[in-house]
PDB file of N, CA and C in Angstrom:
ATOM      1  N   MET A   1      11.453-130.175 158.535  1.00  0.00           N
ATOM      2  CA  MET A   1      11.872-131.011 159.655  1.00  0.00           C
ATOM      3  C   MET A   1      13.311-131.473 159.434  1.00  0.00           C
ATOM      4  N   LEU A   2      14.098-131.374 160.461  1.00  0.00           N
ATOM      5  CA  LEU A   2      15.510-131.724 160.392  1.00  0.00           C
ATOM      6  C   LEU A   2      15.686-133.214 160.656  1.00  0.00           C
ATOM      7  N   SER A   3      16.338-133.907 159.746  1.00  0.00           N
ATOM      8  CA  SER A   3      16.541-135.335 159.942  1.00  0.00           C
ATOM      9  C   SER A   3      17.733-135.568 160.871  1.00  0.00           C
ATOM     10  N   ASP A   4      17.797-136.787 161.371  1.00  0.00           N
ATOM     11  CA  ASP A   4      18.896-137.140 162.278  1.00  0.00           C
ATOM     12  C   ASP A   4      20.243-137.083 161.573  1.00  0.00           C
ATOM     13  N   ALA A   5      20.286-137.470 160.310  1.00  0.00           N
ATOM     14  CA  ALA A   5      21.554-137.463 159.571  1.00  0.00           C
ATOM     15  C   ALA A   5      22.088-136.050 159.418  1.00  0.00           C
ATOM     16  N   ILE A   6      21.216-135.109 159.109  1.00  0.00           N
ATOM     17  CA  ILE A   6      21.652-133.710 158.967  1.00  0.00           C
ATOM     18  C   ILE A   6      22.122-133.169 160.309  1.00  0.00           C
ATOM     19  N   PHE A   7      21.395-133.506 161.381  1.00  0.00           N
ATOM     20  CA  PHE A   7      21.778-133.054 162.719  1.00  0.00           C
ATOM     21  C   PHE A   7      23.150-133.572 163.110  1.00  0.00           C
ATOM     22  N   TYR A   8      23.363-134.878 162.936  1.00  0.00           N
ATOM     23  CA  TYR A   8      24.648-135.459 163.335  1.00  0.00           C
ATOM     24  C   TYR A   8      25.794-135.002 162.434  1.00  0.00           C
ATOM     25  N   ASP A   9      25.514-134.786 161.161  1.00  0.00           N
ATOM     26  CA  ASP A   9      26.550-134.286 160.265  1.00  0.00           C
ATOM     27  C   ASP A   9      26.951-132.860 160.640  1.00  0.00           C
ATOM     28  N   THR A  10      25.958-132.036 160.964  1.00  0.00           N
ATOM     29  CA  THR A  10      26.252-130.666 161.395  1.00  0.00           C
ATOM     30  C   THR A  10      27.008-130.662 162.714  1.00  0.00           C
ATOM     31  N   LEU A  11      26.624-131.535 163.627  1.00  0.00           N
ATOM     32  CA  LEU A  11      27.329-131.648 164.905  1.00  0.00           C
ATOM     33  C   LEU A  11      28.767-132.094 164.695  1.00  0.00           C
ATOM     34  N   ARG A  12      28.963-133.071 163.806  1.00  0.00           N
ATOM     35  CA  ARG A  12      30.324-133.549 163.515  1.00  0.00           C
ATOM     36  C   ARG A  12      31.171-132.432 162.913  1.00  0.00           C
ATOM     37  N   GLN A  13      30.609-131.692 161.971  1.00  0.00           N
ATOM     38  CA  GLN A  13      31.350-130.593 161.361  1.00  0.00           C
ATOM     39  C   GLN A  13      31.640-129.481 162.368  1.00  0.00           C
ATOM     40  N   GLY A  14      30.704-129.209 163.260  1.00  0.00           N
ATOM     41  CA  GLY A  14      30.928-128.201 164.291  1.00  0.00           C
ATOM     42  C   GLY A  14      32.037-128.601 165.248  1.00  0.00           C
ATOM     43  N   LEU A  15      32.064-129.867 165.623  1.00  0.00           N
ATOM     44  CA  LEU A  15      33.143-130.344 166.492  1.00  0.00           C
ATOM     45  C   LEU A  15      34.488-130.297 165.777  1.00  0.00           C
ATOM     46  N   TRP A  16      34.492-130.600 164.485  1.00  0.00           N
ATOM     47  CA  TRP A  16      35.741-130.530 163.720  1.00  0.00           C
ATOM     48  C   TRP A  16      36.244-129.088 163.638  1.00  0.00           C
ATOM     49  N   VAL A  17      35.339-128.138 163.439  1.00  0.00           N
ATOM     50  CA  VAL A  17      35.719-126.725 163.416  1.00  0.00           C
ATOM     51  C   VAL A  17      36.288-126.317 164.773  1.00  0.00           C
ATOM     52  N   ALA A  18      35.694-126.811 165.855  1.00  0.00           N
ATOM     53  CA  ALA A  18      36.207-126.506 167.189  1.00  0.00           C
ATOM     54  C   ALA A  18      37.620-127.057 167.376  1.00  0.00           C
ATOM     55  N   VAL A  19      37.861-128.246 166.877  1.00  0.00           N
ATOM     56  CA  VAL A  19      39.204-128.838 166.971  1.00  0.00           C
ATOM     57  C   VAL A  19      40.205-128.028 166.158  1.00  0.00           C
ATOM     58  N   ILE A  20      39.838-127.688 164.925  1.00  0.00           N
ATOM     59  CA  ILE A  20      40.745-126.948 164.048  1.00  0.00           C
ATOM     60  C   ILE A  20      41.081-125.575 164.635  1.00  0.00           C
ATOM     61  N   THR A  21      40.096-124.893 165.210  1.00  0.00           N
ATOM     62  CA  THR A  21      40.366-123.558 165.736  1.00  0.00           C
ATOM     63  C   THR A  21      41.142-123.600 167.048  1.00  0.00           C
ATOM     64  N   SER A  22      41.079-124.710 167.771  1.00  0.00           N
ATOM     65  CA  SER A  22      41.783-124.766 169.052  1.00  0.00           C
ATOM     66  C   SER A  22      43.199-125.331 168.943  1.00  0.00           C
ATOM     67  N   VAL A  23      43.541-125.929 167.821  1.00  0.00           N
ATOM     68  CA  VAL A  23      44.864-126.561 167.677  1.00  0.00           C
ATOM     69  C   VAL A  23      46.029-125.589 167.876  1.00  0.00           C
ATOM     70  N   PRO A  24      46.033-124.387 167.291  1.00  0.00           N
ATOM     71  CA  PRO A  24      47.197-123.508 167.500  1.00  0.00           C
ATOM     72  C   PRO A  24      47.429-123.156 168.973  1.00  0.00           C
ATOM     73  N   ILE A  25      46.370-122.844 169.696  1.00  0.00           N
ATOM     74  CA  ILE A  25      46.517-122.456 171.101  1.00  0.00           C
ATOM     75  C   ILE A  25      46.939-123.649 171.952  1.00  0.00           C
ATOM     76  N   LEU A  26      46.321-124.799 171.731  1.00  0.00           N
ATOM     77  CA  LEU A  26      46.682-125.973 172.517  1.00  0.00           C
ATOM     78  C   LEU A  26      48.104-126.437 172.234  1.00  0.00           C
ATOM     79  N   THR A  27      48.538-126.308 170.997  1.00  0.00           N
ATOM     80  CA  THR A  27      49.905-126.711 170.644  1.00  0.00           C
ATOM     81  C   THR A  27      50.932-125.823 171.335  1.00  0.00           C
ATOM     82  N   VAL A  28      50.712-124.507 171.296  1.00  0.00           N
ATOM     83  CA  VAL A  28      51.676-123.610 171.942  1.00  0.00           C
ATOM     84  C   VAL A  28      51.636-123.774 173.461  1.00  0.00           C
ATOM     85  N   ALA A  29      50.466-124.067 174.026  1.00  0.00           N
ATOM     86  CA  ALA A  29      50.391-124.306 175.474  1.00  0.00           C
ATOM     87  C   ALA A  29      51.173-125.568 175.848  1.00  0.00           C
ATOM     88  N   LEU A  30      51.067-126.593 175.029  1.00  0.00           N
ATOM     89  CA  LEU A  30      51.819-127.828 175.280  1.00  0.00           C
ATOM     90  C   LEU A  30      53.320-127.593 175.178  1.00  0.00           C
ATOM     91  N   ILE A  31      53.744-126.906 174.125  1.00  0.00           N
ATOM     92  CA  ILE A  31      55.179-126.654 173.928  1.00  0.00           C
ATOM     93  C   ILE A  31      55.733-125.770 175.042  1.00  0.00           C
ATOM     94  N   ALA A  32      54.985-124.723 175.402  1.00  0.00           N
ATOM     95  CA  ALA A  32      55.453-123.842 176.486  1.00  0.00           C
ATOM     96  C   ALA A  32      55.483-124.584 177.813  1.00  0.00           C
ATOM     97  N   GLY A  33      54.491-125.419 178.070  1.00  0.00           N
ATOM     98  CA  GLY A  33      54.469-126.176 179.319  1.00  0.00           C
ATOM     99  C   GLY A  33      55.625-127.161 179.434  1.00  0.00           C
ATOM    100  N   VAL A  34      55.907-127.848 178.331  1.00  0.00           N
ATOM    101  CA  VAL A  34      57.039-128.787 178.337  1.00  0.00           C
ATOM    102  C   VAL A  34      58.354-128.035 178.480  1.00  0.00           C
ATOM    103  N   GLY A  35      58.484-126.914 177.791  1.00  0.00           N
ATOM    104  CA  GLY A  35      59.715-126.119 177.888  1.00  0.00           C
ATOM    105  C   GLY A  35      59.953-125.588 179.287  1.00  0.00           C
ATOM    106  N   VAL A  36      58.916-125.051 179.903  1.00  0.00           N
ATOM    107  CA  VAL A  36      59.055-124.529 181.265  1.00  0.00           C
ATOM    108  C   VAL A  36      59.293-125.663 182.253  1.00  0.00           C
ATOM    109  N   GLY A  37      58.601-126.782 182.071  1.00  0.00           N
ATOM    110  CA  GLY A  37      58.819-127.938 182.941  1.00  0.00           C
ATOM    111  C   GLY A  37      60.234-128.473 182.839  1.00  0.00           C
ATOM    112  N   LEU A  38      60.758-128.511 181.622  1.00  0.00           N
ATOM    113  CA  LEU A  38      62.140-128.953 181.426  1.00  0.00           C
ATOM    114  C   LEU A  38      63.116-127.985 182.080  1.00  0.00           C
ATOM    115  N   PHE A  39      62.853-126.688 181.916  1.00  0.00           N
ATOM    116  CA  PHE A  39      63.692-125.677 182.554  1.00  0.00           C
ATOM    117  C   PHE A  39      63.654-125.815 184.078  1.00  0.00           C
ATOM    118  N   GLN A  40      62.486-126.034 184.636  1.00  0.00           N
ATOM    119  CA  GLN A  40      62.363-126.190 186.091  1.00  0.00           C
ATOM    120  C   GLN A  40      63.066-127.453 186.566  1.00  0.00           C
ATOM    121  N   ALA A  41      62.968-128.529 185.805  1.00  0.00           N
ATOM    122  CA  ALA A  41      63.625-129.770 186.202  1.00  0.00           C
ATOM    123  C   ALA A  41      65.149-129.643 186.144  1.00  0.00           C
ATOM    124  N   LEU A  42      65.643-128.917 185.164  1.00  0.00           N
ATOM    125  CA  LEU A  42      67.093-128.774 185.019  1.00  0.00           C
ATOM    126  C   LEU A  42      67.694-127.813 186.039  1.00  0.00           C
ATOM    127  N   THR A  43      66.928-126.807 186.449  1.00  0.00           N
ATOM    128  CA  THR A  43      67.474-125.803 187.356  1.00  0.00           C
ATOM    129  C   THR A  43      66.973-125.939 188.787  1.00  0.00           C
ATOM    130  N   SER A  44      66.049-126.871 189.038  1.00  0.00           N
ATOM    131  CA  SER A  44      65.452-127.084 190.365  1.00  0.00           C
ATOM    132  C   SER A  44      64.754-125.838 190.898  1.00  0.00           C
ATOM    133  N   VAL A  45      64.260-125.020 190.008  1.00  0.00           N
ATOM    134  CA  VAL A  45      63.482-123.838 190.396  1.00  0.00           C
ATOM    135  C   VAL A  45      62.020-124.257 190.390  1.00  0.00           C
ATOM    136  N   GLN A  46      61.361-124.170 191.540  1.00  0.00           N
ATOM    137  CA  GLN A  46      59.962-124.594 191.653  1.00  0.00           C
ATOM    138  C   GLN A  46      59.079-123.399 191.974  1.00  0.00           C
ATOM    139  N   GLU A  47      59.040-122.455 191.090  1.00  0.00           N
ATOM    140  CA  GLU A  47      58.226-121.258 191.276  1.00  0.00           C
ATOM    141  C   GLU A  47      56.938-121.414 190.483  1.00  0.00           C
ATOM    142  N   MET A  48      55.790-121.181 191.130  1.00  0.00           N
ATOM    143  CA  MET A  48      54.495-121.383 190.478  1.00  0.00           C
ATOM    144  C   MET A  48      54.248-120.373 189.360  1.00  0.00           C
ATOM    145  N   THR A  49      54.684-119.120 189.563  1.00  0.00           N
ATOM    146  CA  THR A  49      54.452-118.122 188.528  1.00  0.00           C
ATOM    147  C   THR A  49      55.304-118.391 187.292  1.00  0.00           C
ATOM    148  N   LEU A  50      56.384-119.138 187.453  1.00  0.00           N
ATOM    149  CA  LEU A  50      57.238-119.466 186.322  1.00  0.00           C
ATOM    150  C   LEU A  50      56.508-120.374 185.330  1.00  0.00           C
ATOM    151  N   THR A  51      55.574-121.189 185.795  1.00  0.00           N
ATOM    152  CA  THR A  51      54.820-122.036 184.877  1.00  0.00           C
ATOM    153  C   THR A  51      53.648-121.278 184.253  1.00  0.00           C
ATOM    154  N   PHE A  52      53.070-120.352 184.983  1.00  0.00           N
ATOM    155  CA  PHE A  52      51.855-119.676 184.533  1.00  0.00           C
ATOM    156  C   PHE A  52      52.129-118.543 183.551  1.00  0.00           C
ATOM    157  N   VAL A  53      53.042-117.667 183.881  1.00  0.00           N
ATOM    158  CA  VAL A  53      53.255-116.454 183.083  1.00  0.00           C
ATOM    159  C   VAL A  53      53.751-116.754 181.669  1.00  0.00           C
ATOM    160  N   PRO A  54      54.774-117.576 181.464  1.00  0.00           N
ATOM    161  CA  PRO A  54      55.209-117.833 180.074  1.00  0.00           C
ATOM    162  C   PRO A  54      54.127-118.502 179.228  1.00  0.00           C
ATOM    163  N   LYS A  55      53.360-119.416 179.835  1.00  0.00           N
ATOM    164  CA  LYS A  55      52.284-120.057 179.092  1.00  0.00           C
ATOM    165  C   LYS A  55      51.220-119.055 178.681  1.00  0.00           C
ATOM    166  N   MET A  56      50.851-118.175 179.599  1.00  0.00           N
ATOM    167  CA  MET A  56      49.821-117.186 179.287  1.00  0.00           C
ATOM    168  C   MET A  56      50.297-116.209 178.205  1.00  0.00           C
ATOM    169  N   ILE A  57      51.554-115.804 178.287  1.00  0.00           N
ATOM    170  CA  ILE A  57      52.095-114.898 177.265  1.00  0.00           C
ATOM    171  C   ILE A  57      52.108-115.584 175.904  1.00  0.00           C
ATOM    172  N   ALA A  58      52.547-116.838 175.861  1.00  0.00           N
ATOM    173  CA  ALA A  58      52.589-117.577 174.597  1.00  0.00           C
ATOM    174  C   ALA A  58      51.184-117.780 174.037  1.00  0.00           C
ATOM    175  N   ILE A  59      50.226-118.105 174.891  1.00  0.00           N
ATOM    176  CA  ILE A  59      48.849-118.321 174.444  1.00  0.00           C
ATOM    177  C   ILE A  59      48.245-117.029 173.899  1.00  0.00           C
ATOM    178  N   VAL A  60      48.473-115.917 174.587  1.00  0.00           N
ATOM    179  CA  VAL A  60      47.928-114.639 174.128  1.00  0.00           C
ATOM    180  C   VAL A  60      48.543-114.244 172.785  1.00  0.00           C
ATOM    181  N   VAL A  61      49.836-114.443 172.624  1.00  0.00           N
ATOM    182  CA  VAL A  61      50.500-114.100 171.361  1.00  0.00           C
ATOM    183  C   VAL A  61      49.951-114.960 170.221  1.00  0.00           C
ATOM    184  N   VAL A  62      49.831-116.265 170.437  1.00  0.00           N
ATOM    185  CA  VAL A  62      49.323-117.142 169.382  1.00  0.00           C
ATOM    186  C   VAL A  62      47.853-116.856 169.105  1.00  0.00           C
ATOM    187  N   PHE A  63      47.087-116.556 170.139  1.00  0.00           N
ATOM    188  CA  PHE A  63      45.687-116.193 169.923  1.00  0.00           C
ATOM    189  C   PHE A  63      45.589-114.932 169.073  1.00  0.00           C
ATOM    190  N   TRP A  64      46.414-113.955 169.383  1.00  0.00           N
ATOM    191  CA  TRP A  64      46.402-112.709 168.626  1.00  0.00           C
ATOM    192  C   TRP A  64      46.799-112.952 167.164  1.00  0.00           C
ATOM    193  N   LEU A  65      47.801-113.826 166.953  1.00  0.00           N
ATOM    194  CA  LEU A  65      48.257-114.115 165.596  1.00  0.00           C
ATOM    195  C   LEU A  65      47.258-114.956 164.798  1.00  0.00           C
ATOM    196  N   SER A  66      46.497-115.803 165.476  1.00  0.00           N
ATOM    197  CA  SER A  66      45.591-116.709 164.761  1.00  0.00           C
ATOM    198  C   SER A  66      44.125-116.281 164.834  1.00  0.00           C
ATOM    199  N   MET A  67      43.855-115.074 165.310  1.00  0.00           N
ATOM    200  CA  MET A  67      42.466-114.611 165.394  1.00  0.00           C
ATOM    201  C   MET A  67      41.796-114.560 164.025  1.00  0.00           C
ATOM    202  N   SER A  68      42.505-114.108 163.009  1.00  0.00           N
ATOM    203  CA  SER A  68      41.878-114.012 161.683  1.00  0.00           C
ATOM    204  C   SER A  68      41.548-115.403 161.144  1.00  0.00           C
ATOM    205  N   PHE A  69      42.443-116.369 161.339  1.00  0.00           N
ATOM    206  CA  PHE A  69      42.177-117.741 160.909  1.00  0.00           C
ATOM    207  C   PHE A  69      40.961-118.312 161.637  1.00  0.00           C
ATOM    208  N   MET A  70      40.898-118.106 162.948  1.00  0.00           N
ATOM    209  CA  MET A  70      39.773-118.625 163.723  1.00  0.00           C
ATOM    210  C   MET A  70      38.464-117.972 163.293  1.00  0.00           C
ATOM    211  N   THR A  71      38.501-116.662 163.088  1.00  0.00           N
ATOM    212  CA  THR A  71      37.294-115.950 162.685  1.00  0.00           C
ATOM    213  C   THR A  71      36.833-116.404 161.307  1.00  0.00           C
ATOM    214  N   GLN A  72      37.753-116.529 160.366  1.00  0.00           N
ATOM    215  CA  GLN A  72      37.385-116.978 159.021  1.00  0.00           C
ATOM    216  C   GLN A  72      36.806-118.387 159.046  1.00  0.00           C
ATOM    217  N   THR A  73      37.374-119.266 159.860  1.00  0.00           N
ATOM    218  CA  THR A  73      36.884-120.636 159.943  1.00  0.00           C
ATOM    219  C   THR A  73      35.481-120.683 160.533  1.00  0.00           C
ATOM    220  N   LEU A  74      35.254-119.939 161.612  1.00  0.00           N
ATOM    221  CA  LEU A  74      33.937-119.935 162.237  1.00  0.00           C
ATOM    222  C   LEU A  74      32.884-119.279 161.346  1.00  0.00           C
ATOM    223  N   VAL A  75      33.237-118.189 160.688  1.00  0.00           N
ATOM    224  CA  VAL A  75      32.286-117.514 159.800  1.00  0.00           C
ATOM    225  C   VAL A  75      31.961-118.404 158.600  1.00  0.00           C
ATOM    226  N   ALA A  76      32.961-119.080 158.053  1.00  0.00           N
ATOM    227  CA  ALA A  76      32.714-119.981 156.924  1.00  0.00           C
ATOM    228  C   ALA A  76      31.801-121.132 157.334  1.00  0.00           C
ATOM    229  N   PHE A  77      32.007-121.686 158.512  1.00  0.00           N
ATOM    230  CA  PHE A  77      31.131-122.760 158.991  1.00  0.00           C
ATOM    231  C   PHE A  77      29.707-122.247 159.163  1.00  0.00           C
ATOM    232  N   PHE A  78      29.568-121.085 159.753  1.00  0.00           N
ATOM    233  CA  PHE A  78      28.234-120.521 159.957  1.00  0.00           C
ATOM    234  C   PHE A  78      27.563-120.233 158.627  1.00  0.00           C
ATOM    235  N   HIS A  79      28.301-119.626 157.706  1.00  0.00           N
ATOM    236  CA  HIS A  79      27.728-119.230 156.425  1.00  0.00           C
ATOM    237  C   HIS A  79      27.428-120.434 155.538  1.00  0.00           C
ATOM    238  N   ASP A  80      28.332-121.408 155.486  1.00  0.00           N
ATOM    239  CA  ASP A  80      28.187-122.537 154.571  1.00  0.00           C
ATOM    240  C   ASP A  80      27.292-123.648 155.097  1.00  0.00           C
ATOM    241  N   HIS A  81      27.260-123.854 156.420  1.00  0.00           N
ATOM    242  CA  HIS A  81      26.539-124.995 156.961  1.00  0.00           C
ATOM    243  C   HIS A  81      25.328-124.632 157.806  1.00  0.00           C
ATOM    244  N   LEU A  82      25.462-123.620 158.633  1.00  0.00           N
ATOM    245  CA  LEU A  82      24.351-123.308 159.530  1.00  0.00           C
ATOM    246  C   LEU A  82      23.285-122.425 158.901  1.00  0.00           C
ATOM    247  N   MET A  83      23.701-121.424 158.132  1.00  0.00           N
ATOM    248  CA  MET A  83      22.721-120.527 157.527  1.00  0.00           C
ATOM    249  C   MET A  83      21.751-121.259 156.603  1.00  0.00           C
ATOM    250  N   PRO A  84      22.209-122.170 155.745  1.00  0.00           N
ATOM    251  CA  PRO A  84      21.226-122.902 154.931  1.00  0.00           C
ATOM    252  C   PRO A  84      20.226-123.709 155.773  1.00  0.00           C
ATOM    253  N   LEU A  85      20.674-124.228 156.903  1.00  0.00           N
ATOM    254  CA  LEU A  85      19.750-124.967 157.767  1.00  0.00           C
ATOM    255  C   LEU A  85      18.756-124.025 158.450  1.00  0.00           C
ATOM    256  N   ILE A  86      19.231-122.837 158.826  1.00  0.00           N
ATOM    257  CA  ILE A  86      18.347-121.859 159.478  1.00  0.00           C
ATOM    258  C   ILE A  86      17.323-121.337 158.476  1.00  0.00           C
ATOM    259  N   ILE A  87      17.798-121.049 157.263  1.00  0.00           N
ATOM    260  CA  ILE A  87      16.903-120.514 156.232  1.00  0.00           C
ATOM    261  C   ILE A  87      15.923-121.591 155.764  1.00  0.00           C
ATOM    262  N   GLY A  88      16.409-122.826 155.767  1.00  0.00           N
ATOM    263  CA  GLY A  88      15.550-123.933 155.342  1.00  0.00           C
ATOM    264  C   GLY A  88      15.829-124.403 153.946  1.00  0.00           C
ATOM    265  N   GLY A  89      17.013-124.088 153.446  1.00  0.00           N
ATOM    266  CA  GLY A  89      17.341-124.461 152.062  1.00  0.00           C
ATOM    267  C   GLY A  89      18.261-125.539 152.009  1.00  0.00           C
TER     268      GLY A  89
END
């Protein structure tokens, strides 16, 4: 039987893993959004695709570069924390 403490600790660790794996993508999205917004404010160019395309390109590049880190983090969490709970050890 799973106790409440183990459940909440696993939930807390899972949320922390989600935060750690999402930080690179969210950071680059923030930086690209601020950069494009600043560029639009300085040049008075109000094109909708100008905000979308650079952000998507930056996000895809960072996702591609950080895929191994994200995969290793998720696999380590599954192997170290979830598998022992599933097995019952």
